[in-house]
Amino acid sequence: MADPRHRYPDSPAGSVDLARVERSQLCDLLEATRPDAPTLCTGWDAHHLVSHLVIREGTPSGALKYLRPRVMQEEMDALVAEDDFLGLVERLRDGPPAFSFFGLPGVDRLANTVELFLHHEDVRRGAAGWEPRELPRWVQDRLWRWVKLTARLDLRKSPVGVSLERTDTGERAFVVRKLDLVAVKGTPGELLMFESGRGRAARIDLVGEPKDVEALTRAVPGS
């Protein structure tokens, strides 16, 4: 059963760690999910996804394996074949070991907030009939900070200009400055989904000339 202490309050009481809450909610969801349940990550079921996260933060070199996708995939396949799914979920719930890079003070919050949010949605939206979570305004505000920090890198290959617009507040961020502009509109959580290559499963609107919208969607994976 989900622990109510790990649900987002309507207003933050003190400094709520989004990475910690997303970790707890993702593990709650995984415990109620089949290991072979589909996710938004191509070729990964739920067992692969939790294996990926455990490898990523479970060893001193785990984060570097992003740079060697074949090695990461081989280790994931080995964990899926050899390790119990629920055992891996418990390892993920326990958080990064002290000897891991992610176990250093403050690193989990800085490096895992977006990672865990997105993979939480990968599992949620891999199932039929999903709906976006109703996140409190202050959570969306924090996600908006991450959107602005990461979008310039994520969308750097766009051949057209891109602005991101929050549909809940109207705030805008111009992340690619070119003449032909496409406005991507949605709540911050949905904008994170789009910019990270999950646009097909994001509740967004793309506003611009049809040729520019097409050029942007061709340039962003998963759109």
Protein backbone atom coordinates (compact mmCIF):
# COMPACT_ATOMS: atom_id res chain seq x y z
CA MET A 1 0.00 0.00 0.00
CA ALA A 2 1.26 3.48 -0.85
CA ASP A 3 2.64 5.50 2.02
CA PRO A 4 0.65 8.78 2.30
CA ARG A 5 3.76 10.54 3.59
CA HIS A 6 5.14 10.26 0.07
CA ARG A 7 2.24 12.00 -1.66
CA TYR A 8 2.56 15.63 -2.62
CA PRO A 9 0.70 18.00 -0.29
CA ASP A 10 -1.27 20.83 -1.87
CA SER A 11 1.32 23.25 -0.49
CA PRO A 12 4.86 22.34 0.56
CA ALA A 13 5.48 21.88 4.26
CA GLY A 14 9.15 22.70 4.46
CA SER A 15 11.49 21.47 1.74
CA VAL A 16 9.86 18.47 0.06
CA ASP A 17 12.38 16.42 -1.94
CA LEU A 18 10.73 15.71 -5.31
CA ALA A 19 13.26 13.01 -6.15
CA ARG A 20 12.44 11.14 -2.94
CA VAL A 21 8.69 11.36 -3.53
CA GLU A 22 8.99 10.29 -7.17
CA ARG A 23 11.18 7.37 -6.12
CA SER A 24 8.60 6.22 -3.58
CA GLN A 25 5.66 6.61 -5.98
CA LEU A 26 7.52 4.83 -8.80
CA CYS A 27 8.32 1.91 -6.49
CA ASP A 28 4.70 1.78 -5.30
CA LEU A 29 3.60 1.59 -8.93
CA LEU A 30 6.18 -1.04 -9.86
CA GLU A 31 5.10 -3.24 -6.96
CA ALA A 32 1.59 -3.24 -8.43
CA THR A 33 2.85 -3.85 -11.99
CA ARG A 34 3.79 -7.02 -13.88
CA PRO A 35 7.52 -7.33 -14.62
CA ASP A 36 6.71 -7.67 -18.32
CA ALA A 37 4.43 -4.61 -18.39
CA PRO A 38 5.24 -2.27 -21.29
CA THR A 39 6.82 1.14 -20.79
CA LEU A 40 7.42 4.12 -23.05
CA CYS A 41 11.10 3.15 -23.35
CA THR A 42 11.52 1.23 -26.60
CA GLY A 43 12.43 -2.39 -25.91
CA TRP A 44 12.11 -2.07 -22.13
CA ASP A 45 9.46 -3.63 -19.97
CA ALA A 46 9.07 -2.73 -16.29
CA HIS A 47 11.77 -5.24 -15.32
CA HIS A 48 14.27 -3.61 -17.70
CA LEU A 49 13.39 -0.14 -16.45
CA VAL A 50 13.98 -0.91 -12.77
CA SER A 51 17.17 -2.79 -13.70
CA HIS A 52 18.41 0.30 -15.53
CA LEU A 53 17.82 2.52 -12.51
CA VAL A 54 19.48 0.08 -10.10
CA ILE A 55 22.57 -0.19 -12.34
CA ARG A 56 22.72 3.56 -12.88
CA GLU A 57 22.94 4.42 -9.20
CA GLY A 58 24.07 1.13 -7.67
CA THR A 59 27.81 1.23 -8.37
CA PRO A 60 30.49 3.95 -8.45
CA SER A 61 30.68 3.60 -12.25
CA GLY A 62 26.94 3.24 -12.86
CA ALA A 63 26.38 6.78 -14.14
CA LEU A 64 29.20 6.38 -16.69
CA LYS A 65 27.46 3.44 -18.32
CA TYR A 66 25.16 5.94 -20.05
CA LEU A 67 28.16 6.57 -22.29
CA ARG A 68 28.32 2.87 -23.22
CA PRO A 69 24.76 1.85 -24.14
CA ARG A 70 25.73 -1.68 -25.18
CA VAL A 71 27.35 -2.34 -21.79
CA MET A 72 24.30 -0.92 -20.01
CA GLN A 73 21.97 -3.09 -22.10
CA GLU A 74 24.02 -6.23 -21.41
CA GLU A 75 23.96 -5.58 -17.67
CA MET A 76 20.23 -4.86 -17.76
CA ASP A 77 19.55 -8.11 -19.62
CA ALA A 78 21.62 -9.99 -17.03
CA LEU A 79 19.67 -8.48 -14.13
CA VAL A 80 16.36 -9.25 -15.80
CA ALA A 81 17.44 -12.86 -16.29
CA GLU A 82 18.93 -13.38 -12.84
CA ASP A 83 17.35 -11.00 -10.32
CA ASP A 84 13.87 -11.01 -8.83
CA PHE A 85 11.77 -8.08 -10.01
CA LEU A 86 10.43 -7.13 -6.58
CA GLY A 87 13.91 -7.45 -5.12
CA LEU A 88 15.15 -4.88 -7.61
CA VAL A 89 12.23 -2.60 -6.75
CA GLU A 90 13.26 -2.77 -3.08
CA ARG A 91 16.84 -1.90 -4.00
CA LEU A 92 15.56 1.11 -5.91
CA ARG A 93 13.34 2.13 -3.00
CA ASP A 94 16.32 2.03 -0.61
CA GLY A 95 18.02 4.76 -2.64
CA PRO A 96 21.60 5.10 -3.82
CA PRO A 97 24.25 3.28 -1.78
CA ALA A 98 26.69 5.47 0.14
CA PHE A 99 29.56 4.50 -2.21
CA SER A 100 27.62 5.57 -5.31
CA PHE A 101 28.04 8.96 -6.94
CA PHE A 102 24.32 9.45 -6.36
CA GLY A 103 24.83 8.76 -2.66
CA LEU A 104 26.83 11.97 -2.21
CA PRO A 105 24.93 14.67 -0.27
CA GLY A 106 22.51 16.54 -2.52
CA VAL A 107 23.28 14.56 -5.68
CA ASP A 108 20.11 12.46 -5.58
CA ARG A 109 17.97 15.59 -5.52
CA LEU A 110 19.97 17.28 -8.29
CA ALA A 111 20.49 14.31 -10.61
CA ASN A 112 17.42 12.17 -10.04
CA THR A 113 14.41 14.48 -9.84
CA VAL A 114 13.85 14.55 -13.61
CA GLU A 115 15.10 10.98 -14.13
CA LEU A 116 12.66 9.49 -11.65
CA PHE A 117 9.77 11.71 -12.75
CA LEU A 118 10.21 10.64 -16.37
CA HIS A 119 10.62 6.95 -15.62
CA HIS A 120 7.59 7.09 -13.32
CA GLU A 121 5.63 8.40 -16.30
CA ASP A 122 7.22 5.79 -18.60
CA VAL A 123 5.60 3.08 -16.49
CA ARG A 124 2.29 4.92 -15.98
CA ARG A 125 1.87 5.83 -19.64
CA GLY A 126 2.99 2.48 -20.93
CA ALA A 127 -0.36 1.12 -19.72
CA ALA A 128 -3.69 1.69 -21.46
CA GLY A 129 -6.09 4.28 -20.13
CA TRP A 130 -3.56 6.51 -18.38
CA GLU A 131 -4.32 10.12 -17.51
CA PRO A 132 -1.87 12.84 -16.44
CA ARG A 133 -1.39 13.19 -12.71
CA GLU A 134 -2.91 16.27 -11.10
CA LEU A 135 0.23 17.74 -9.58
CA PRO A 136 0.00 20.71 -7.20
CA ARG A 137 1.02 24.12 -8.53
CA TRP A 138 4.22 24.22 -6.46
CA VAL A 139 5.35 20.88 -7.93
CA GLN A 140 4.72 22.19 -11.44
CA ASP A 141 6.71 25.30 -10.50
CA ARG A 142 9.69 23.17 -9.57
CA LEU A 143 9.36 21.09 -12.73
CA TRP A 144 9.24 24.33 -14.72
CA ARG A 145 12.70 25.21 -13.39
CA TRP A 146 13.97 21.91 -14.72
CA VAL A 147 12.24 22.47 -18.06
CA LYS A 148 14.10 25.75 -18.51
CA LEU A 149 17.41 24.20 -17.42
CA THR A 150 17.25 21.19 -19.72
CA ALA A 151 15.28 22.27 -22.80
CA ARG A 152 18.09 24.18 -24.50
CA LEU A 153 20.22 21.04 -24.50
CA ASP A 154 17.39 18.63 -25.31
CA LEU A 155 16.07 20.74 -28.21
CA ARG A 156 19.38 22.05 -29.52
CA LYS A 157 18.99 20.20 -32.85
CA SER A 158 15.66 21.80 -33.67
CA PRO A 159 15.77 23.41 -37.14
CA VAL A 160 13.13 25.96 -36.05
CA GLY A 161 12.70 28.28 -33.12
CA VAL A 162 11.00 26.85 -30.06
CA SER A 163 9.17 28.51 -27.20
CA LEU A 164 7.72 26.58 -24.29
CA GLU A 165 4.55 27.89 -22.69
CA ARG A 166 2.93 26.83 -19.43
CA THR A 167 -0.79 26.43 -19.98
CA ASP A 168 -1.45 26.73 -16.24
CA THR A 169 0.20 30.16 -15.82
CA GLY A 170 1.00 31.50 -19.29
CA GLU A 171 4.73 31.78 -18.57
CA ARG A 172 6.99 31.34 -21.60
CA ALA A 173 10.58 30.39 -22.20
CA PHE A 174 12.32 30.84 -25.56
CA VAL A 175 14.72 27.91 -25.78
CA VAL A 176 15.71 27.90 -29.46
CA ARG A 177 15.99 31.32 -31.05
CA LYS A 178 15.39 31.07 -34.79
CA LEU A 179 13.07 32.94 -37.13
CA ASP A 180 10.46 30.22 -37.70
CA LEU A 181 8.89 29.73 -34.27
CA VAL A 182 6.85 26.84 -32.89
CA ALA A 183 5.17 27.26 -29.50
CA VAL A 184 4.95 24.07 -27.44
CA LYS A 185 2.14 24.44 -24.89
CA GLY A 186 1.41 22.30 -21.86
CA THR A 187 1.96 22.03 -18.13
CA PRO A 188 5.61 21.73 -17.05
CA GLY A 189 5.36 17.97 -16.54
CA GLU A 190 4.03 17.53 -20.08
CA LEU A 191 6.73 19.84 -21.48
CA LEU A 192 9.37 17.67 -19.80
CA MET A 193 7.84 14.64 -21.48
CA PHE A 194 8.02 16.34 -24.88
CA GLU A 195 11.56 17.66 -24.68
CA SER A 196 12.88 14.32 -23.38
CA GLY A 197 11.64 12.47 -26.47
CA ARG A 198 8.26 11.30 -25.19
CA GLY A 199 6.10 13.67 -27.21
CA ARG A 200 3.71 10.98 -28.46
CA ALA A 201 2.63 10.40 -24.87
CA ALA A 202 2.61 14.06 -23.84
CA ARG A 203 -0.50 16.22 -23.56
CA ILE A 204 0.81 19.22 -25.47
CA ASP A 205 -0.19 21.51 -28.30
CA LEU A 206 2.22 22.55 -31.06
CA VAL A 207 1.36 25.96 -32.50
CA GLY A 208 3.05 27.30 -35.62
CA GLU A 209 3.17 26.99 -39.38
CA PRO A 210 2.50 23.36 -40.39
CA LYS A 211 5.90 23.02 -42.08
CA ASP A 212 7.63 24.30 -38.93
CA VAL A 213 5.66 22.00 -36.65
CA GLU A 214 6.55 19.08 -38.91
CA ALA A 215 10.24 20.07 -38.88
CA LEU A 216 10.25 20.20 -35.07
CA THR A 217 8.52 16.85 -34.63
CA ARG A 218 10.99 15.23 -37.05
CA ALA A 219 13.89 16.62 -35.02
CA VAL A 220 12.65 15.58 -31.56
CA PRO A 221 12.69 11.81 -30.93
CA GLY A 222 9.37 10.30 -29.95
CA SER A 223 7.25 13.20 -31.23
